[in-house]
Amino acid sequence: MLSSNGASSATGACSAAVATGLDSRVRGDPFGIIAASFWNANKERAEMRCAQIGDGKDKNLKPNVWYRYADRLSDPETKKRIDNALKRWSQSRGQEERHA
């Protein structure tokens, strides 16, 4: 596995935190977006995923929490939150494209 670390945080509502280093950490404020890179060993390539940050009361990711995409592999609660956020993000992108 390739190894690279990095971190990115964004302050302010609706801001974006993007970390392109593999195994990076990202953190965002309420209603923002995070994007993190990871190594997909099955496909032998680097990938990046984006997810929405909520207000801490919804089912999106929690604000002001450091996330690593790799953490979804070891922590069931983090996996559930990240997977749900990715699913909602994908669905919202599909709706935007249909309305364009």
C-alpha atoms as a PDB file:
ATOM      1  CA  MET A   1       0.000   0.000   0.000  1.00  0.00           C
ATOM      2  CA  LEU A   2       1.153   3.496  -0.757  1.00  0.00           C
ATOM      3  CA  SER A   3       1.435   5.758   2.221  1.00  0.00           C
ATOM      4  CA  SER A   4       0.941   9.478   2.389  1.00  0.00           C
ATOM      5  CA  ASN A   5      -0.498  11.568   5.143  1.00  0.00           C
ATOM      6  CA  GLY A   6      -2.137  14.925   5.162  1.00  0.00           C
ATOM      7  CA  ALA A   7      -4.831  16.889   6.862  1.00  0.00           C
ATOM      8  CA  SER A   8      -7.266  19.604   5.918  1.00  0.00           C
ATOM      9  CA  SER A   9      -9.845  21.474   7.932  1.00  0.00           C
ATOM     10  CA  ALA A  10     -12.269  24.168   6.920  1.00  0.00           C
ATOM     11  CA  THR A  11     -13.847  26.775   9.134  1.00  0.00           C
ATOM     12  CA  GLY A  12     -17.090  28.507   8.421  1.00  0.00           C
ATOM     13  CA  ALA A  13     -20.457  27.083   7.492  1.00  0.00           C
ATOM     14  CA  CYS A  14     -20.765  25.682   3.975  1.00  0.00           C
ATOM     15  CA  SER A  15     -16.991  25.498   3.415  1.00  0.00           C
ATOM     16  CA  ALA A  16     -14.981  22.640   1.895  1.00  0.00           C
ATOM     17  CA  ALA A  17     -12.036  20.705   3.318  1.00  0.00           C
ATOM     18  CA  VAL A  18     -10.042  18.712   0.761  1.00  0.00           C
ATOM     19  CA  ALA A  19      -7.070  16.435   1.494  1.00  0.00           C
ATOM     20  CA  THR A  20      -5.458  14.675  -1.462  1.00  0.00           C
ATOM     21  CA  GLY A  21      -2.776  12.703   0.408  1.00  0.00           C
ATOM     22  CA  LEU A  22      -3.613   9.044   0.823  1.00  0.00           C
ATOM     23  CA  ASP A  23      -4.873   8.199   4.301  1.00  0.00           C
ATOM     24  CA  SER A  24      -5.534  11.900   4.937  1.00  0.00           C
ATOM     25  CA  ARG A  25      -7.720  13.384   7.632  1.00  0.00           C
ATOM     26  CA  VAL A  26     -10.421  15.987   6.973  1.00  0.00           C
ATOM     27  CA  ARG A  27     -12.680  18.065   9.186  1.00  0.00           C
ATOM     28  CA  GLY A  28     -15.398  20.556   8.326  1.00  0.00           C
ATOM     29  CA  ASP A  29     -17.873  22.911   9.899  1.00  0.00           C
ATOM     30  CA  PRO A  30     -21.667  22.504   9.719  1.00  0.00           C
ATOM     31  CA  PHE A  31     -23.185  22.155   6.253  1.00  0.00           C
ATOM     32  CA  GLY A  32     -19.797  21.937   4.569  1.00  0.00           C
ATOM     33  CA  ILE A  33     -18.205  19.269   2.380  1.00  0.00           C
ATOM     34  CA  ILE A  34     -15.181  17.062   3.019  1.00  0.00           C
ATOM     35  CA  ALA A  35     -13.146  15.192   0.415  1.00  0.00           C
ATOM     36  CA  ALA A  36     -10.573  12.567   1.382  1.00  0.00           C
ATOM     37  CA  SER A  37      -8.225  10.290  -0.555  1.00  0.00           C
ATOM     38  CA  PHE A  38      -7.520   6.649   0.148  1.00  0.00           C
ATOM     39  CA  TRP A  39      -5.850   3.651  -1.455  1.00  0.00           C
ATOM     40  CA  ASN A  40      -8.289   1.107  -2.927  1.00  0.00           C
ATOM     41  CA  ALA A  41      -6.295  -2.118  -2.602  1.00  0.00           C
ATOM     42  CA  ASN A  42      -8.855  -4.160  -4.569  1.00  0.00           C
ATOM     43  CA  LYS A  43      -8.555  -1.923  -7.627  1.00  0.00           C
ATOM     44  CA  GLU A  44      -4.919  -0.987  -6.947  1.00  0.00           C
ATOM     45  CA  ARG A  45      -5.519   2.735  -7.330  1.00  0.00           C
ATOM     46  CA  ALA A  46      -5.968   5.928  -5.373  1.00  0.00           C
ATOM     47  CA  GLU A  47      -9.512   7.219  -5.032  1.00  0.00           C
ATOM     48  CA  MET A  48     -11.245  10.193  -3.467  1.00  0.00           C
ATOM     49  CA  ARG A  49     -14.674  10.461  -1.872  1.00  0.00           C
ATOM     50  CA  CYS A  50     -16.754  13.480  -0.880  1.00  0.00           C
ATOM     51  CA  ALA A  51     -19.389  13.704   1.829  1.00  0.00           C
ATOM     52  CA  GLN A  52     -21.630  16.349   3.326  1.00  0.00           C
ATOM     53  CA  ILE A  53     -21.251  17.599   6.871  1.00  0.00           C
ATOM     54  CA  GLY A  54     -24.497  18.102   8.767  1.00  0.00           C
ATOM     55  CA  ASP A  55     -25.370  20.110  11.828  1.00  0.00           C
ATOM     56  CA  GLY A  56     -24.791  17.220  14.251  1.00  0.00           C
ATOM     57  CA  LYS A  57     -28.510  16.528  14.556  1.00  0.00           C
ATOM     58  CA  ASP A  58     -29.102  14.951  11.156  1.00  0.00           C
ATOM     59  CA  LYS A  59     -27.723  11.722   9.681  1.00  0.00           C
ATOM     60  CA  ASN A  60     -24.872  13.413   7.816  1.00  0.00           C
ATOM     61  CA  LEU A  61     -21.344  13.434   9.182  1.00  0.00           C
ATOM     62  CA  LYS A  62     -20.838  15.378  12.380  1.00  0.00           C
ATOM     63  CA  PRO A  63     -19.191  18.817  12.201  1.00  0.00           C
ATOM     64  CA  ASN A  64     -15.772  19.496  13.765  1.00  0.00           C
ATOM     65  CA  VAL A  65     -14.803  15.806  13.814  1.00  0.00           C
ATOM     66  CA  TRP A  66     -11.674  14.503  12.108  1.00  0.00           C
ATOM     67  CA  TYR A  67     -12.491  11.778   9.552  1.00  0.00           C
ATOM     68  CA  ARG A  68     -10.290   9.418   7.566  1.00  0.00           C
ATOM     69  CA  TYR A  69     -11.865   7.292   4.867  1.00  0.00           C
ATOM     70  CA  ALA A  70      -9.880   4.304   6.169  1.00  0.00           C
ATOM     71  CA  ASP A  71     -11.632   4.661   9.557  1.00  0.00           C
ATOM     72  CA  ARG A  72     -14.833   3.359   7.982  1.00  0.00           C
ATOM     73  CA  LEU A  73     -13.139  -0.036   7.782  1.00  0.00           C
ATOM     74  CA  SER A  74     -12.567  -0.351  11.525  1.00  0.00           C
ATOM     75  CA  ASP A  75     -15.401   1.539  13.237  1.00  0.00           C
ATOM     76  CA  PRO A  76     -18.989   0.430  12.472  1.00  0.00           C
ATOM     77  CA  GLU A  77     -20.560   3.756  13.490  1.00  0.00           C
ATOM     78  CA  THR A  78     -18.133   5.766  11.349  1.00  0.00           C
ATOM     79  CA  LYS A  79     -18.672   3.334   8.465  1.00  0.00           C
ATOM     80  CA  LYS A  80     -22.440   3.812   8.711  1.00  0.00           C
ATOM     81  CA  ARG A  81     -22.199   7.619   8.810  1.00  0.00           C
ATOM     82  CA  ILE A  82     -19.722   7.813   5.914  1.00  0.00           C
ATOM     83  CA  ASP A  83     -21.640   5.321   3.774  1.00  0.00           C
ATOM     84  CA  ASN A  84     -24.940   7.124   4.396  1.00  0.00           C
ATOM     85  CA  ALA A  85     -23.387  10.507   3.630  1.00  0.00           C
ATOM     86  CA  LEU A  86     -21.897   9.155   0.391  1.00  0.00           C
ATOM     87  CA  LYS A  87     -25.242   7.654  -0.604  1.00  0.00           C
ATOM     88  CA  ARG A  88     -27.120  10.917   0.023  1.00  0.00           C
ATOM     89  CA  TRP A  89     -24.433  12.858  -1.849  1.00  0.00           C
ATOM     90  CA  SER A  90     -24.726  10.531  -4.867  1.00  0.00           C
ATOM     91  CA  GLN A  91     -28.514  10.772  -4.843  1.00  0.00           C
ATOM     92  CA  SER A  92     -28.462  14.571  -4.642  1.00  0.00           C
ATOM     93  CA  ARG A  93     -25.984  14.745  -7.560  1.00  0.00           C
ATOM     94  CA  GLY A  94     -28.303  12.553  -9.630  1.00  0.00           C
ATOM     95  CA  GLN A  95     -31.259  14.821  -8.927  1.00  0.00           C
ATOM     96  CA  GLU A  96     -29.264  17.938  -9.869  1.00  0.00           C
ATOM     97  CA  GLU A  97     -28.209  16.355 -13.176  1.00  0.00           C
ATOM     98  CA  ARG A  98     -31.808  15.388 -14.036  1.00  0.00           C
ATOM     99  CA  HIS A  99     -32.992  18.962 -13.413  1.00  0.00           C
ATOM    100  CA  ALA A 100     -30.239  20.561 -15.487  1.00  0.00           C
END
